[in-house]
Amino acid sequence: MKKLICEVFRSPKEEGLYLYVEKAKGLKEVPEALLEKFGTPKSAMTMLLDEERKLAKADSKKVLAAIEEHGYYLQLPPPKEAYMQEINHYNSKLF
């Protein structure tokens, strides 16, 4: 069973956008272009991640595989529901 000490960073630019990396390597393997769009990473937590661990919005096996292959896993925010998109669109016109 794969196990990894993982650090999770949150994006200051977008709520629900998280970056998982191996704690020992940090952000070294994350492409610079991704970090520019992500914003200055803010550490959210450090955890021991294994294939059996339940994560709120990601599959731990996919997270481990992505970190092993690419050096990071990017968790995107859930899509907004259609009515929320309409409200956001309307509100953006007010300002």
PDB file of N, CA and C in Angstrom:
ATOM      1  N   MET A   1       0.843  -1.179   0.000  1.00  0.00           N
ATOM      2  CA  MET A   1       0.000   0.000   0.000  1.00  0.00           C
ATOM      3  C   MET A   1       0.891   1.246   0.000  1.00  0.00           C
ATOM      4  N   LYS A   2       0.569   2.182  -0.880  1.00  0.00           N
ATOM      5  CA  LYS A   2       1.313   3.434  -0.956  1.00  0.00           C
ATOM      6  C   LYS A   2       0.924   4.339   0.205  1.00  0.00           C
ATOM      7  N   LYS A   3       1.945   4.986   0.765  1.00  0.00           N
ATOM      8  CA  LYS A   3       1.724   5.980   1.808  1.00  0.00           C
ATOM      9  C   LYS A   3       2.628   7.164   1.505  1.00  0.00           C
ATOM     10  N   LEU A   4       2.138   8.342   1.847  1.00  0.00           N
ATOM     11  CA  LEU A   4       2.871   9.548   1.521  1.00  0.00           C
ATOM     12  C   LEU A   4       2.496  10.655   2.496  1.00  0.00           C
ATOM     13  N   ILE A   5       3.492  11.368   2.998  1.00  0.00           N
ATOM     14  CA  ILE A   5       3.200  12.558   3.789  1.00  0.00           C
ATOM     15  C   ILE A   5       2.951  13.669   2.779  1.00  0.00           C
ATOM     16  N   CYS A   6       1.743  14.166   2.813  1.00  0.00           N
ATOM     17  CA  CYS A   6       1.252  15.084   1.794  1.00  0.00           C
ATOM     18  C   CYS A   6       0.949  16.444   2.419  1.00  0.00           C
ATOM     19  N   GLU A   7       1.322  17.501   1.697  1.00  0.00           N
ATOM     20  CA  GLU A   7       0.940  18.846   2.129  1.00  0.00           C
ATOM     21  C   GLU A   7      -0.083  19.380   1.141  1.00  0.00           C
ATOM     22  N   VAL A   8      -1.115  19.977   1.668  1.00  0.00           N
ATOM     23  CA  VAL A   8      -2.194  20.509   0.845  1.00  0.00           C
ATOM     24  C   VAL A   8      -2.166  22.036   0.947  1.00  0.00           C
ATOM     25  N   PHE A   9      -2.174  22.680  -0.216  1.00  0.00           N
ATOM     26  CA  PHE A   9      -2.182  24.138  -0.277  1.00  0.00           C
ATOM     27  C   PHE A   9      -3.498  24.601  -0.872  1.00  0.00           C
ATOM     28  N   ARG A  10      -3.991  25.740  -0.386  1.00  0.00           N
ATOM     29  CA  ARG A  10      -5.195  26.326  -0.964  1.00  0.00           C
ATOM     30  C   ARG A  10      -4.796  27.545  -1.774  1.00  0.00           C
ATOM     31  N   SER A  11      -5.593  27.837  -2.770  1.00  0.00           N
ATOM     32  CA  SER A  11      -5.351  28.997  -3.616  1.00  0.00           C
ATOM     33  C   SER A  11      -6.000  30.230  -3.011  1.00  0.00           C
ATOM     34  N   PRO A  12      -5.268  31.356  -2.982  1.00  0.00           N
ATOM     35  CA  PRO A  12      -5.887  32.590  -2.513  1.00  0.00           C
ATOM     36  C   PRO A  12      -6.776  33.225  -3.596  1.00  0.00           C
ATOM     37  N   LYS A  13      -6.663  32.719  -4.815  1.00  0.00           N
ATOM     38  CA  LYS A  13      -7.400  33.313  -5.940  1.00  0.00           C
ATOM     39  C   LYS A  13      -8.780  32.710  -6.154  1.00  0.00           C
ATOM     40  N   GLU A  14      -8.938  31.428  -5.795  1.00  0.00           N
ATOM     41  CA  GLU A  14     -10.215  30.771  -6.063  1.00  0.00           C
ATOM     42  C   GLU A  14     -10.563  29.792  -4.947  1.00  0.00           C
ATOM     43  N   GLU A  15     -11.728  29.963  -4.362  1.00  0.00           N
ATOM     44  CA  GLU A  15     -12.175  29.083  -3.298  1.00  0.00           C
ATOM     45  C   GLU A  15     -12.398  27.674  -3.842  1.00  0.00           C
ATOM     46  N   GLY A  16     -11.925  26.689  -3.100  1.00  0.00           N
ATOM     47  CA  GLY A  16     -12.111  25.298  -3.504  1.00  0.00           C
ATOM     48  C   GLY A  16     -11.009  24.756  -4.397  1.00  0.00           C
ATOM     49  N   LEU A  17     -10.003  25.568  -4.700  1.00  0.00           N
ATOM     50  CA  LEU A  17      -8.876  25.144  -5.536  1.00  0.00           C
ATOM     51  C   LEU A  17      -7.723  24.755  -4.618  1.00  0.00           C
ATOM     52  N   TYR A  18      -7.311  23.481  -4.675  1.00  0.00           N
ATOM     53  CA  TYR A  18      -6.279  22.963  -3.780  1.00  0.00           C
ATOM     54  C   TYR A  18      -5.188  22.254  -4.570  1.00  0.00           C
ATOM     55  N   LEU A  19      -3.991  22.276  -4.024  1.00  0.00           N
ATOM     56  CA  LEU A  19      -2.830  21.647  -4.633  1.00  0.00           C
ATOM     57  C   LEU A  19      -2.227  20.688  -3.616  1.00  0.00           C
ATOM     58  N   TYR A  20      -2.114  19.411  -3.978  1.00  0.00           N
ATOM     59  CA  TYR A  20      -1.539  18.378  -3.113  1.00  0.00           C
ATOM     60  C   TYR A  20      -0.128  18.076  -3.623  1.00  0.00           C
ATOM     61  N   VAL A  21       0.847  18.042  -2.715  1.00  0.00           N
ATOM     62  CA  VAL A  21       2.223  17.704  -3.075  1.00  0.00           C
ATOM     63  C   VAL A  21       2.830  16.820  -1.991  1.00  0.00           C
ATOM     64  N   GLU A  22       3.918  16.146  -2.338  1.00  0.00           N
ATOM     65  CA  GLU A  22       4.666  15.393  -1.338  1.00  0.00           C
ATOM     66  C   GLU A  22       5.376  16.404  -0.443  1.00  0.00           C
ATOM     67  N   LYS A  23       5.191  16.299   0.851  1.00  0.00           N
ATOM     68  CA  LYS A  23       5.735  17.275   1.802  1.00  0.00           C
ATOM     69  C   LYS A  23       7.241  17.441   1.645  1.00  0.00           C
ATOM     70  N   ALA A  24       7.967  16.334   1.480  1.00  0.00           N
ATOM     71  CA  ALA A  24       9.428  16.395   1.402  1.00  0.00           C
ATOM     72  C   ALA A  24       9.905  17.175   0.177  1.00  0.00           C
ATOM     73  N   LYS A  25       9.158  17.135  -0.911  1.00  0.00           N
ATOM     74  CA  LYS A  25       9.570  17.816  -2.148  1.00  0.00           C
ATOM     75  C   LYS A  25       8.987  19.225  -2.248  1.00  0.00           C
ATOM     76  N   GLY A  26       7.916  19.465  -1.538  1.00  0.00           N
ATOM     77  CA  GLY A  26       7.295  20.783  -1.587  1.00  0.00           C
ATOM     78  C   GLY A  26       6.763  21.111  -2.979  1.00  0.00           C
ATOM     79  N   LEU A  27       6.920  22.341  -3.369  1.00  0.00           N
ATOM     80  CA  LEU A  27       6.359  22.827  -4.639  1.00  0.00           C
ATOM     81  C   LEU A  27       7.357  22.757  -5.797  1.00  0.00           C
ATOM     82  N   LYS A  28       8.505  22.105  -5.603  1.00  0.00           N
ATOM     83  CA  LYS A  28       9.559  22.070  -6.623  1.00  0.00           C
ATOM     84  C   LYS A  28       9.096  21.533  -7.962  1.00  0.00           C
ATOM     85  N   GLU A  29       8.210  20.549  -7.969  1.00  0.00           N
ATOM     86  CA  GLU A  29       7.799  19.901  -9.212  1.00  0.00           C
ATOM     87  C   GLU A  29       6.544  20.504  -9.845  1.00  0.00           C
ATOM     88  N   VAL A  30       5.984  21.523  -9.217  1.00  0.00           N
ATOM     89  CA  VAL A  30       4.783  22.177  -9.750  1.00  0.00           C
ATOM     90  C   VAL A  30       5.228  23.185 -10.815  1.00  0.00           C
ATOM     91  N   PRO A  31       4.657  23.108 -12.020  1.00  0.00           N
ATOM     92  CA  PRO A  31       5.057  24.037 -13.079  1.00  0.00           C
ATOM     93  C   PRO A  31       4.827  25.499 -12.684  1.00  0.00           C
ATOM     94  N   GLU A  32       5.755  26.340 -13.087  1.00  0.00           N
ATOM     95  CA  GLU A  32       5.687  27.767 -12.750  1.00  0.00           C
ATOM     96  C   GLU A  32       4.401  28.407 -13.277  1.00  0.00           C
ATOM     97  N   ALA A  33       3.973  28.022 -14.477  1.00  0.00           N
ATOM     98  CA  ALA A  33       2.748  28.583 -15.061  1.00  0.00           C
ATOM     99  C   ALA A  33       1.528  28.263 -14.190  1.00  0.00           C
ATOM    100  N   LEU A  34       1.489  27.057 -13.634  1.00  0.00           N
ATOM    101  CA  LEU A  34       0.382  26.678 -12.753  1.00  0.00           C
ATOM    102  C   LEU A  34       0.409  27.508 -11.474  1.00  0.00           C
ATOM    103  N   LEU A  35       1.593  27.694 -10.910  1.00  0.00           N
ATOM    104  CA  LEU A  35       1.705  28.482  -9.685  1.00  0.00           C
ATOM    105  C   LEU A  35       1.291  29.934  -9.910  1.00  0.00           C
ATOM    106  N   GLU A  36       1.568  30.477 -11.089  1.00  0.00           N
ATOM    107  CA  GLU A  36       1.156  31.848 -11.397  1.00  0.00           C
ATOM    108  C   GLU A  36      -0.366  31.971 -11.389  1.00  0.00           C
ATOM    109  N   LYS A  37      -1.046  30.998 -11.993  1.00  0.00           N
ATOM    110  CA  LYS A  37      -2.510  31.031 -12.030  1.00  0.00           C
ATOM    111  C   LYS A  37      -3.110  30.685 -10.672  1.00  0.00           C
ATOM    112  N   PHE A  38      -2.441  29.824  -9.924  1.00  0.00           N
ATOM    113  CA  PHE A  38      -2.909  29.379  -8.609  1.00  0.00           C
ATOM    114  C   PHE A  38      -2.809  30.499  -7.580  1.00  0.00           C
ATOM    115  N   GLY A  39      -1.791  31.317  -7.699  1.00  0.00           N
ATOM    116  CA  GLY A  39      -1.528  32.354  -6.704  1.00  0.00           C
ATOM    117  C   GLY A  39      -0.533  31.840  -5.671  1.00  0.00           C
ATOM    118  N   THR A  40      -0.173  32.663  -4.723  1.00  0.00           N
ATOM    119  CA  THR A  40       0.770  32.257  -3.683  1.00  0.00           C
ATOM    120  C   THR A  40       0.111  31.195  -2.807  1.00  0.00           C
ATOM    121  N   PRO A  41       0.622  29.951  -2.870  1.00  0.00           N
ATOM    122  CA  PRO A  41      -0.006  28.864  -2.109  1.00  0.00           C
ATOM    123  C   PRO A  41       0.002  29.118  -0.608  1.00  0.00           C
ATOM    124  N   LYS A  42      -1.128  28.835   0.015  1.00  0.00           N
ATOM    125  CA  LYS A  42      -1.278  28.941   1.467  1.00  0.00           C
ATOM    126  C   LYS A  42      -1.453  27.526   2.018  1.00  0.00           C
ATOM    127  N   SER A  43      -0.571  27.119   2.928  1.00  0.00           N
ATOM    128  CA  SER A  43      -0.649  25.767   3.474  1.00  0.00           C
ATOM    129  C   SER A  43      -1.963  25.587   4.239  1.00  0.00           C
ATOM    130  N   ALA A  44      -2.707  24.553   3.857  1.00  0.00           N
ATOM    131  CA  ALA A  44      -3.985  24.265   4.498  1.00  0.00           C
ATOM    132  C   ALA A  44      -3.850  23.142   5.517  1.00  0.00           C
ATOM    133  N   MET A  45      -3.039  22.118   5.179  1.00  0.00           N
ATOM    134  CA  MET A  45      -2.860  20.996   6.103  1.00  0.00           C
ATOM    135  C   MET A  45      -1.751  20.079   5.615  1.00  0.00           C
ATOM    136  N   THR A  46      -1.276  19.257   6.535  1.00  0.00           N
ATOM    137  CA  THR A  46      -0.333  18.185   6.236  1.00  0.00           C
ATOM    138  C   THR A  46      -0.966  16.912   6.763  1.00  0.00           C
ATOM    139  N   MET A  47      -0.895  15.848   5.961  1.00  0.00           N
ATOM    140  CA  MET A  47      -1.513  14.586   6.376  1.00  0.00           C
ATOM    141  C   MET A  47      -0.765  13.395   5.813  1.00  0.00           C
ATOM    142  N   LEU A  48      -0.968  12.259   6.453  1.00  0.00           N
ATOM    143  CA  LEU A  48      -0.471  11.000   5.933  1.00  0.00           C
ATOM    144  C   LEU A  48      -1.544  10.473   5.000  1.00  0.00           C
ATOM    145  N   LEU A  49      -1.200  10.356   3.737  1.00  0.00           N
ATOM    146  CA  LEU A  49      -2.164   9.928   2.726  1.00  0.00           C
ATOM    147  C   LEU A  49      -1.844   8.510   2.290  1.00  0.00           C
ATOM    148  N   ASP A  50      -2.848   7.652   2.314  1.00  0.00           N
ATOM    149  CA  ASP A  50      -2.713   6.302   1.759  1.00  0.00           C
ATOM    150  C   ASP A  50      -3.950   6.011   0.925  1.00  0.00           C
ATOM    151  N   GLU A  51      -3.946   4.876   0.238  1.00  0.00           N
ATOM    152  CA  GLU A  51      -5.022   4.536  -0.700  1.00  0.00           C
ATOM    153  C   GLU A  51      -6.378   4.361  -0.030  1.00  0.00           C
ATOM    154  N   GLU A  52      -6.395   4.087   1.260  1.00  0.00           N
ATOM    155  CA  GLU A  52      -7.645   3.841   1.971  1.00  0.00           C
ATOM    156  C   GLU A  52      -8.238   5.106   2.601  1.00  0.00           C
ATOM    157  N   ARG A  53      -7.476   6.171   2.631  1.00  0.00           N
ATOM    158  CA  ARG A  53      -7.945   7.397   3.292  1.00  0.00           C
ATOM    159  C   ARG A  53      -9.094   8.023   2.503  1.00  0.00           C
ATOM    160  N   LYS A  54     -10.115   8.407   3.211  1.00  0.00           N
ATOM    161  CA  LYS A  54     -11.266   9.082   2.603  1.00  0.00           C
ATOM    162  C   LYS A  54     -10.972  10.572   2.546  1.00  0.00           C
ATOM    163  N   LEU A  55     -11.096  11.141   1.371  1.00  0.00           N
ATOM    164  CA  LEU A  55     -10.935  12.579   1.181  1.00  0.00           C
ATOM    165  C   LEU A  55     -12.297  13.155   0.813  1.00  0.00           C
ATOM    166  N   ALA A  56     -12.533  14.388   1.180  1.00  0.00           N
ATOM    167  CA  ALA A  56     -13.840  15.003   0.972  1.00  0.00           C
ATOM    168  C   ALA A  56     -14.217  15.106  -0.507  1.00  0.00           C
ATOM    169  N   LYS A  57     -13.295  15.554  -1.355  1.00  0.00           N
ATOM    170  CA  LYS A  57     -13.660  15.821  -2.750  1.00  0.00           C
ATOM    171  C   LYS A  57     -12.670  15.254  -3.745  1.00  0.00           C
ATOM    172  N   ALA A  58     -11.900  14.259  -3.337  1.00  0.00           N
ATOM    173  CA  ALA A  58     -10.932  13.646  -4.253  1.00  0.00           C
ATOM    174  C   ALA A  58     -10.791  12.166  -3.906  1.00  0.00           C
ATOM    175  N   ASP A  59     -10.351  11.409  -4.878  1.00  0.00           N
ATOM    176  CA  ASP A  59     -10.092   9.980  -4.704  1.00  0.00           C
ATOM    177  C   ASP A  59      -8.623   9.834  -4.305  1.00  0.00           C
ATOM    178  N   SER A  60      -8.357   9.274  -3.150  1.00  0.00           N
ATOM    179  CA  SER A  60      -6.983   9.187  -2.650  1.00  0.00           C
ATOM    180  C   SER A  60      -6.066   8.412  -3.594  1.00  0.00           C
ATOM    181  N   LYS A  61      -6.576   7.399  -4.278  1.00  0.00           N
ATOM    182  CA  LYS A  61      -5.751   6.646  -5.229  1.00  0.00           C
ATOM    183  C   LYS A  61      -5.333   7.534  -6.396  1.00  0.00           C
ATOM    184  N   LYS A  62      -6.254   8.359  -6.888  1.00  0.00           N
ATOM    185  CA  LYS A  62      -5.935   9.273  -7.990  1.00  0.00           C
ATOM    186  C   LYS A  62      -4.955  10.349  -7.539  1.00  0.00           C
ATOM    187  N   VAL A  63      -5.111  10.826  -6.317  1.00  0.00           N
ATOM    188  CA  VAL A  63      -4.198  11.838  -5.782  1.00  0.00           C
ATOM    189  C   VAL A  63      -2.788  11.266  -5.696  1.00  0.00           C
ATOM    190  N   LEU A  64      -2.654  10.075  -5.122  1.00  0.00           N
ATOM    191  CA  LEU A  64      -1.339   9.435  -5.000  1.00  0.00           C
ATOM    192  C   LEU A  64      -0.712   9.181  -6.372  1.00  0.00           C
ATOM    193  N   ALA A  65      -1.510   8.706  -7.324  1.00  0.00           N
ATOM    194  CA  ALA A  65      -0.993   8.426  -8.670  1.00  0.00           C
ATOM    195  C   ALA A  65      -0.514   9.705  -9.349  1.00  0.00           C
ATOM    196  N   ALA A  66      -1.267  10.777  -9.222  1.00  0.00           N
ATOM    197  CA  ALA A  66      -0.887  12.050  -9.848  1.00  0.00           C
ATOM    198  C   ALA A  66       0.383  12.614  -9.218  1.00  0.00           C
ATOM    199  N   ILE A  67       0.504  12.519  -7.899  1.00  0.00           N
ATOM    200  CA  ILE A  67       1.712  13.016  -7.231  1.00  0.00           C
ATOM    201  C   ILE A  67       2.917  12.195  -7.668  1.00  0.00           C
ATOM    202  N   GLU A  68       2.747  10.897  -7.776  1.00  0.00           N
ATOM    203  CA  GLU A  68       3.848  10.034  -8.200  1.00  0.00           C
ATOM    204  C   GLU A  68       4.263  10.338  -9.646  1.00  0.00           C
ATOM    205  N   GLU A  69       3.284  10.537 -10.517  1.00  0.00           N
ATOM    206  CA  GLU A  69       3.569  10.752 -11.945  1.00  0.00           C
ATOM    207  C   GLU A  69       3.989  12.183 -12.267  1.00  0.00           C
ATOM    208  N   HIS A  70       3.293  13.166 -11.689  1.00  0.00           N
ATOM    209  CA  HIS A  70       3.515  14.562 -12.062  1.00  0.00           C
ATOM    210  C   HIS A  70       4.172  15.405 -10.977  1.00  0.00           C
ATOM    211  N   GLY A  71       4.140  14.922  -9.737  1.00  0.00           N
ATOM    212  CA  GLY A  71       4.710  15.686  -8.642  1.00  0.00           C
ATOM    213  C   GLY A  71       3.688  16.518  -7.889  1.00  0.00           C
ATOM    214  N   TYR A  72       2.427  16.500  -8.358  1.00  0.00           N
ATOM    215  CA  TYR A  72       1.371  17.262  -7.705  1.00  0.00           C
ATOM    216  C   TYR A  72       0.005  16.745  -8.157  1.00  0.00           C
ATOM    217  N   TYR A  73      -1.023  17.125  -7.411  1.00  0.00           N
ATOM    218  CA  TYR A  73      -2.409  16.863  -7.794  1.00  0.00           C
ATOM    219  C   TYR A  73      -3.168  18.165  -7.594  1.00  0.00           C
ATOM    220  N   LEU A  74      -3.893  18.605  -8.606  1.00  0.00           N
ATOM    221  CA  LEU A  74      -4.677  19.833  -8.531  1.00  0.00           C
ATOM    222  C   LEU A  74      -6.144  19.461  -8.366  1.00  0.00           C
ATOM    223  N   GLN A  75      -6.734  19.893  -7.259  1.00  0.00           N
ATOM    224  CA  GLN A  75      -8.164  19.656  -7.008  1.00  0.00           C
ATOM    225  C   GLN A  75      -8.926  20.913  -7.395  1.00  0.00           C
ATOM    226  N   LEU A  76      -9.776  20.787  -8.392  1.00  0.00           N
ATOM    227  CA  LEU A  76     -10.566  21.909  -8.869  1.00  0.00           C
ATOM    228  C   LEU A  76     -11.807  22.098  -8.016  1.00  0.00           C
ATOM    229  N   PRO A  77     -12.311  23.320  -7.941  1.00  0.00           N
ATOM    230  CA  PRO A  77     -13.543  23.539  -7.179  1.00  0.00           C
ATOM    231  C   PRO A  77     -14.715  22.883  -7.898  1.00  0.00           C
ATOM    232  N   PRO A  78     -15.751  22.520  -7.167  1.00  0.00           N
ATOM    233  CA  PRO A  78     -16.920  21.921  -7.818  1.00  0.00           C
ATOM    234  C   PRO A  78     -17.568  22.950  -8.746  1.00  0.00           C
ATOM    235  N   PRO A  79     -18.167  22.496  -9.836  1.00  0.00           N
ATOM    236  CA  PRO A  79     -18.817  23.443 -10.751  1.00  0.00           C
ATOM    237  C   PRO A  79     -19.997  24.120 -10.065  1.00  0.00           C
ATOM    238  N   LYS A  80     -20.199  25.372 -10.403  1.00  0.00           N
ATOM    239  CA  LYS A  80     -21.334  26.097  -9.837  1.00  0.00           C
ATOM    240  C   LYS A  80     -22.604  25.627 -10.533  1.00  0.00           C
ATOM    241  N   GLU A  81     -23.660  25.584  -9.782  1.00  0.00           N
ATOM    242  CA  GLU A  81     -24.939  25.198 -10.360  1.00  0.00           C
ATOM    243  C   GLU A  81     -25.408  26.319 -11.286  1.00  0.00           C
ATOM    244  N   ALA A  82     -26.211  25.967 -12.260  1.00  0.00           N
ATOM    245  CA  ALA A  82     -26.641  26.911 -13.291  1.00  0.00           C
ATOM    246  C   ALA A  82     -27.263  28.176 -12.696  1.00  0.00           C
ATOM    247  N   TYR A  83     -28.143  28.010 -11.705  1.00  0.00           N
ATOM    248  CA  TYR A  83     -28.788  29.200 -11.148  1.00  0.00           C
ATOM    249  C   TYR A  83     -27.786  30.093 -10.425  1.00  0.00           C
ATOM    250  N   MET A  84     -26.757  29.503  -9.833  1.00  0.00           N
ATOM    251  CA  MET A  84     -25.722  30.301  -9.175  1.00  0.00           C
ATOM    252  C   MET A  84     -24.900  31.067 -10.207  1.00  0.00           C
ATOM    253  N   GLN A  85     -24.661  30.461 -11.364  1.00  0.00           N
ATOM    254  CA  GLN A  85     -23.946  31.154 -12.424  1.00  0.00           C
ATOM    255  C   GLN A  85     -24.752  32.358 -12.906  1.00  0.00           C
ATOM    256  N   GLU A  86     -26.055  32.198 -13.013  1.00  0.00           N
ATOM    257  CA  GLU A  86     -26.910  33.311 -13.421  1.00  0.00           C
ATOM    258  C   GLU A  86     -26.860  34.440 -12.387  1.00  0.00           C
ATOM    259  N   ILE A  87     -26.901  34.094 -11.115  1.00  0.00           N
ATOM    260  CA  ILE A  87     -26.831  35.101 -10.055  1.00  0.00           C
ATOM    261  C   ILE A  87     -25.484  35.828 -10.107  1.00  0.00           C
ATOM    262  N   ASN A  88     -24.392  35.067 -10.273  1.00  0.00           N
ATOM    263  CA  ASN A  88     -23.067  35.677 -10.368  1.00  0.00           C
ATOM    264  C   ASN A  88     -22.987  36.607 -11.573  1.00  0.00           C
ATOM    265  N   HIS A  89     -23.547  36.183 -12.686  1.00  0.00           N
ATOM    266  CA  HIS A  89     -23.539  37.004 -13.906  1.00  0.00           C
ATOM    267  C   HIS A  89     -24.323  38.297 -13.665  1.00  0.00           C
ATOM    268  N   TYR A  90     -25.493  38.188 -13.053  1.00  0.00           N
ATOM    269  CA  TYR A  90     -26.317  39.372 -12.753  1.00  0.00           C
ATOM    270  C   TYR A  90     -25.581  40.298 -11.792  1.00  0.00           C
ATOM    271  N   ASN A  91     -25.006  39.735 -10.734  1.00  0.00           N
ATOM    272  CA  ASN A  91     -24.306  40.545  -9.738  1.00  0.00           C
ATOM    273  C   ASN A  91     -23.089  41.252 -10.330  1.00  0.00           C
ATOM    274  N   SER A  92     -22.407  40.604 -11.256  1.00  0.00           N
ATOM    275  CA  SER A  92     -21.219  41.227 -11.856  1.00  0.00           C
ATOM    276  C   SER A  92     -21.594  42.469 -12.653  1.00  0.00           C
ATOM    277  N   LYS A  93     -22.836  42.550 -13.134  1.00  0.00           N
ATOM    278  CA  LYS A  93     -23.279  43.713 -13.891  1.00  0.00           C
ATOM    279  C   LYS A  93     -23.627  44.889 -12.971  1.00  0.00           C
ATOM    280  N   LEU A  94     -23.854  44.609 -11.691  1.00  0.00           N
ATOM    281  CA  LEU A  94     -24.223  45.649 -10.741  1.00  0.00           C
ATOM    282  C   LEU A  94     -23.033  46.516 -10.353  1.00  0.00           C
ATOM    283  N   PHE A  95     -21.831  45.982 -10.465  1.00  0.00           N
ATOM    284  CA  PHE A  95     -20.649  46.722 -10.006  1.00  0.00           C
ATOM    285  C   PHE A  95     -19.829  47.110 -11.159  1.00  0.00           C
TER     286      PHE A  95
END
